[in-house]
């Protein structure tokens, strides 16, 4: 099984519960940071492609901000959930991979990858392929906006086993691949335990991601025909400058297709 197949299996299995389990995620706040960057680096652009859209939370948030949105995702089950989402009426949702997107997606002012879908591209070549696909989806001068986990975040969050106990439900996660180093694959296991009457139900997932350093991201973008024009550090959904790999949670990138 390839890394992408393992990712697909994980999200296919959790799709019916994904929104419930991620109810605390501030998607609206994160999308606001994206909108700020699109407004600054592609002012006036309204056609937006939400790549790796998951269950459509970010897609609906973008449309509420006035964008004309199309979304696609690797997982058919996640796309099915996106199509059922309240407020998603009229948004076109498709199935496709970041480096092999659905055909015919062109002419967008912005391509967004919200909540680190690009971390699942486990080599620089795959990252470059996804960026090249985004370049072809953009108009001249259009922007690709995406976030990446920092090495500091991986070490803080996955460096030691963690358990969150919520009574009838608890979640445990840890890295299977210590030590966590820059520009390497990070394999994390998530175990969800839920009480059902007198018994417990367990759902296990492995997520295979890769830390991509700033140097790697910029090199991949250049190879793909894009130019990184801005970065911001993110701590939860708060933007910081300059971006820092150790203290911030993520780095938000803006890469432009040259005119």
Protein backbone atom coordinates (compact mmCIF):
# COMPACT_ATOMS: atom_id res chain seq x y z
CA UNK A 1 0.00 0.00 0.00
CA UNK A 2 1.38 3.42 -0.98
CA UNK A 3 1.42 6.37 1.41
CA UNK A 4 -1.43 7.97 -0.54
CA UNK A 5 -3.49 4.77 -0.42
CA UNK A 6 -2.99 4.67 3.35
CA UNK A 7 -4.14 8.29 3.62
CA UNK A 8 -7.17 7.52 1.47
CA UNK A 9 -8.08 4.54 3.67
CA UNK A 10 -7.79 6.64 6.82
CA UNK A 11 -10.12 9.37 5.56
CA UNK A 12 -12.59 6.99 3.95
CA UNK A 13 -12.96 5.29 7.33
CA UNK A 14 -13.40 8.45 9.38
CA UNK A 15 -15.43 10.55 6.89
CA UNK A 16 -18.84 10.00 8.58
CA UNK A 17 -17.39 11.22 11.90
CA UNK A 18 -14.85 13.74 10.63
CA UNK A 19 -16.83 16.92 11.31
CA UNK A 20 -17.93 15.73 14.74
CA UNK A 21 -14.39 14.82 15.78
CA UNK A 22 -13.01 18.12 14.46
CA UNK A 23 -15.78 20.34 15.80
CA UNK A 24 -13.24 22.38 17.78
CA UNK A 25 -11.17 23.30 14.71
CA UNK A 26 -11.45 27.01 13.87
CA UNK A 27 -11.87 26.62 10.11
CA UNK A 28 -13.44 30.07 9.82
CA UNK A 29 -10.43 31.69 11.47
CA UNK A 30 -8.00 29.78 9.28
CA UNK A 31 -9.90 30.67 6.11
CA UNK A 32 -9.78 34.33 7.18
CA UNK A 33 -5.97 34.20 7.01
CA UNK A 34 -6.21 32.74 3.49
CA UNK A 35 -8.65 35.40 2.39
CA UNK A 36 -6.28 38.11 3.65
CA UNK A 37 -3.45 36.68 1.54
CA UNK A 38 -5.58 36.27 -1.58
CA UNK A 39 -6.84 39.83 -1.16
CA UNK A 40 -3.30 41.17 -0.86
CA UNK A 41 -1.61 39.16 -3.60
CA UNK A 42 -4.49 38.60 -6.04
CA UNK A 43 -6.75 41.60 -5.37
CA UNK A 44 -10.15 41.34 -6.99
CA UNK A 45 -9.81 37.62 -7.74
CA UNK A 46 -13.06 35.75 -7.01
CA UNK A 47 -12.70 32.32 -8.72
CA UNK A 48 -11.24 29.93 -6.14
CA UNK A 49 -10.35 26.24 -6.26
CA UNK A 50 -10.28 24.57 -2.83
CA UNK A 51 -7.89 21.61 -3.35
CA UNK A 52 -7.96 18.93 -0.66
CA UNK A 53 -11.29 20.33 0.50
CA UNK A 54 -12.25 17.42 2.78
CA UNK A 55 -15.86 17.67 3.94
CA UNK A 56 -16.21 21.16 2.48
CA UNK A 57 -15.90 23.23 5.64
CA UNK A 58 -13.33 25.56 4.08
CA UNK A 59 -15.18 25.64 0.74
CA UNK A 60 -18.37 26.92 2.37
CA UNK A 61 -16.37 29.44 4.42
CA UNK A 62 -14.76 30.79 1.23
CA UNK A 63 -18.13 31.11 -0.47
CA UNK A 64 -19.48 32.99 2.54
CA UNK A 65 -16.60 35.42 1.91
CA UNK A 66 -17.85 36.06 -1.63
CA UNK A 67 -15.79 33.62 -3.70
CA UNK A 68 -17.03 31.44 -6.54
CA UNK A 69 -15.80 28.07 -5.25
CA UNK A 70 -15.02 24.64 -6.68
CA UNK A 71 -13.59 21.92 -4.42
CA UNK A 72 -12.00 18.51 -4.80
CA UNK A 73 -10.54 15.88 -2.51
CA UNK A 74 -8.79 12.51 -2.56
CA UNK A 75 -11.56 10.73 -0.61
CA UNK A 76 -14.92 9.99 -2.27
CA UNK A 77 -16.50 9.62 1.18
CA UNK A 78 -15.27 13.07 2.24
CA UNK A 79 -16.55 14.56 -1.04
CA UNK A 80 -19.94 12.92 -0.46
CA UNK A 81 -20.04 14.56 2.99
CA UNK A 82 -19.11 17.92 1.40
CA UNK A 83 -22.01 17.66 -1.03
CA UNK A 84 -24.40 17.10 1.90
CA UNK A 85 -23.05 20.00 3.95
CA UNK A 86 -25.57 22.75 4.74
CA UNK A 87 -24.60 25.87 2.79
CA UNK A 88 -22.75 23.91 0.10
CA UNK A 89 -25.57 24.08 -2.41
CA UNK A 90 -24.20 25.17 -5.77
CA UNK A 91 -20.55 24.39 -4.95
CA UNK A 92 -19.15 21.79 -7.33
CA UNK A 93 -17.27 19.06 -5.47
CA UNK A 94 -15.09 16.55 -7.34
CA UNK A 95 -12.78 13.62 -6.54
CA UNK A 96 -9.09 13.90 -7.37
CA UNK A 97 -5.54 13.91 -6.03
CA UNK A 98 -3.48 17.05 -5.57
CA UNK A 99 -0.95 15.94 -8.17
CA UNK A 100 -3.62 14.34 -10.40
CA UNK A 101 -6.62 16.65 -10.15
CA UNK A 102 -9.90 16.26 -12.02
CA UNK A 103 -9.58 17.42 -15.65
CA UNK A 104 -10.76 20.78 -16.88
CA UNK A 105 -10.03 22.85 -13.77
CA UNK A 106 -8.49 26.02 -15.18
CA UNK A 107 -8.83 29.78 -14.99
CA UNK A 108 -8.81 30.20 -11.21
CA UNK A 109 -7.57 33.34 -9.48
CA UNK A 110 -6.58 31.34 -6.40
CA UNK A 111 -5.95 27.70 -5.52
CA UNK A 112 -6.07 26.97 -1.79
CA UNK A 113 -4.95 23.93 0.22
CA UNK A 114 -6.38 24.50 3.72
CA UNK A 115 -5.40 22.56 6.84
CA UNK A 116 -2.16 20.98 5.57
CA UNK A 117 -3.22 18.55 2.79
CA UNK A 118 0.18 19.09 1.18
CA UNK A 119 1.90 17.46 4.15
CA UNK A 120 0.56 14.14 2.84
CA UNK A 121 2.80 14.49 -0.22
CA UNK A 122 5.71 12.42 1.08
CA UNK A 123 8.46 13.45 -1.33
CA UNK A 124 9.69 16.67 -2.88
CA UNK A 125 8.81 15.30 -6.33
CA UNK A 126 5.17 14.74 -5.30
CA UNK A 127 5.05 18.22 -3.80
CA UNK A 128 6.43 19.64 -7.05
CA UNK A 129 3.83 17.71 -9.09
CA UNK A 130 1.00 19.12 -6.97
CA UNK A 131 2.36 22.64 -7.34
CA UNK A 132 2.68 22.18 -11.11
CA UNK A 133 -0.95 21.05 -11.23
CA UNK A 134 -1.95 24.19 -9.30
CA UNK A 135 0.08 26.35 -11.69
CA UNK A 136 -1.93 24.95 -14.61
CA UNK A 137 -5.19 25.66 -12.76
CA UNK A 138 -4.30 29.31 -12.18
CA UNK A 139 -4.68 32.33 -14.40
CA UNK A 140 -1.53 34.32 -15.06
CA UNK A 141 -0.73 36.17 -11.85
CA UNK A 142 -2.95 33.83 -9.83
CA UNK A 143 -1.84 32.52 -6.45
CA UNK A 144 -1.52 29.17 -4.71
CA UNK A 145 -2.05 29.56 -0.94
CA UNK A 146 -1.29 26.62 1.36
CA UNK A 147 -0.10 25.81 4.88
CA UNK A 148 2.59 23.41 6.12
CA UNK A 149 3.25 22.06 9.61
CA UNK A 150 6.53 23.27 11.12
CA UNK A 151 9.17 20.97 12.53
CA UNK A 152 8.49 22.54 15.93
CA UNK A 153 4.82 21.58 15.70
CA UNK A 154 5.61 17.97 14.80
CA UNK A 155 8.00 17.67 17.72
CA UNK A 156 5.67 19.35 20.23
CA UNK A 157 2.49 17.52 19.24
CA UNK A 158 3.76 14.11 18.19
CA UNK A 159 7.09 13.81 19.97
CA UNK A 160 5.53 12.03 22.96
CA UNK A 161 2.37 9.91 23.35
CA UNK A 162 -0.68 12.03 24.22
CA UNK A 163 -4.11 11.01 25.53
CA UNK A 164 -7.19 13.25 25.67
CA UNK A 165 -9.90 11.79 27.92
CA UNK A 166 -13.48 13.00 27.46
CA UNK A 167 -15.31 10.46 29.57
CA UNK A 168 -17.09 8.22 27.09
CA UNK A 169 -14.50 8.98 24.42
CA UNK A 170 -10.77 9.36 24.41
CA UNK A 171 -8.13 9.82 21.75
CA UNK A 172 -4.48 8.78 21.87
CA UNK A 173 -1.83 9.79 19.36
CA UNK A 174 1.91 9.44 18.97
CA UNK A 175 4.62 9.34 16.33
CA UNK A 176 5.70 5.92 15.12
CA UNK A 177 8.77 7.40 13.50
CA UNK A 178 10.95 9.12 16.12
CA UNK A 179 13.19 10.99 16.08
CA UNK A 180 11.33 13.64 14.09
CA UNK A 181 13.77 15.37 11.76
CA UNK A 182 13.42 18.09 9.14
CA UNK A 183 12.49 17.02 5.59
CA UNK A 184 11.60 13.46 6.61
CA UNK A 185 8.43 11.36 6.71
CA UNK A 186 6.47 11.50 9.99
CA UNK A 187 4.16 8.54 10.67
CA UNK A 188 1.57 9.17 13.39
CA UNK A 189 -1.02 6.81 14.84
CA UNK A 190 -4.40 7.96 16.12
CA UNK A 191 -6.57 5.67 18.24
CA UNK A 192 -10.14 6.69 19.03
CA UNK A 193 -11.92 4.79 21.82
CA UNK A 194 -15.65 5.28 22.39
CA UNK A 195 -17.93 3.70 24.96
CA UNK A 196 -20.96 1.90 23.56
CA UNK A 197 -23.07 0.55 26.41
CA UNK A 198 -20.82 -1.75 28.42
CA UNK A 199 -18.19 -2.13 25.69
CA UNK A 200 -15.66 0.10 23.93
CA UNK A 201 -15.22 0.63 20.20
CA UNK A 202 -11.78 1.38 18.80
CA UNK A 203 -10.96 3.15 15.52
CA UNK A 204 -7.27 3.26 14.52
CA UNK A 205 -5.66 5.34 11.80
CA UNK A 206 -2.14 5.91 10.57
CA UNK A 207 -1.32 9.25 9.00
CA UNK A 208 1.79 9.38 6.84
CA UNK A 209 2.99 12.94 6.34
CA UNK A 210 6.27 14.66 5.53
CA UNK A 211 7.80 17.76 6.99
CA UNK A 212 8.76 20.07 4.14
CA UNK A 213 11.27 22.72 5.17
CA UNK A 214 11.05 26.26 3.83
CA UNK A 215 14.03 25.56 1.58
CA UNK A 216 12.32 22.48 0.13
CA UNK A 217 9.01 24.30 -0.42
CA UNK A 218 10.70 27.16 -2.26
CA UNK A 219 12.76 24.79 -4.40
CA UNK A 220 9.68 22.72 -5.32
CA UNK A 221 7.74 25.87 -6.18
CA UNK A 222 10.51 27.10 -8.46
CA UNK A 223 10.67 23.71 -10.20
CA UNK A 224 6.90 23.89 -10.71
CA UNK A 225 7.03 27.34 -12.30
CA UNK A 226 5.77 29.28 -9.28
CA UNK A 227 7.42 31.92 -7.12
CA UNK A 228 6.92 32.17 -3.36
CA UNK A 229 5.99 35.80 -2.71
CA UNK A 230 4.97 35.71 0.97
CA UNK A 231 4.96 33.63 4.15
CA UNK A 232 3.27 34.00 7.51
CA UNK A 233 3.71 32.00 10.68
CA UNK A 234 0.53 30.63 12.21
CA UNK A 235 -0.07 29.93 15.90
CA UNK A 236 -3.50 28.28 15.82
CA UNK A 237 -5.16 30.82 13.48
CA UNK A 238 -3.18 33.91 14.51
CA UNK A 239 -0.73 35.20 11.88
CA UNK A 240 2.86 36.06 12.91
CA UNK A 241 5.85 37.60 11.14
CA UNK A 242 8.45 36.52 10.39
CA UNK A 243 7.52 32.86 10.05
CA UNK A 244 9.50 30.63 12.41
CA UNK A 245 9.96 26.85 12.03
CA UNK A 246 10.52 26.25 15.72
CA UNK A 247 7.97 28.36 17.58
CA UNK A 248 5.05 28.57 15.15
CA UNK A 249 2.58 25.76 14.38
CA UNK A 250 2.42 26.23 10.63
CA UNK A 251 3.76 28.35 7.83
CA UNK A 252 1.27 29.86 5.39
CA UNK A 253 2.70 30.24 1.89
CA UNK A 254 1.65 32.33 -1.11
CA UNK A 255 3.14 31.23 -4.45
CA UNK A 256 2.33 33.13 -7.64
CA UNK A 257 2.11 32.03 -11.24
CA UNK A 258 4.12 34.62 -13.19
CA UNK A 259 2.26 36.77 -15.68
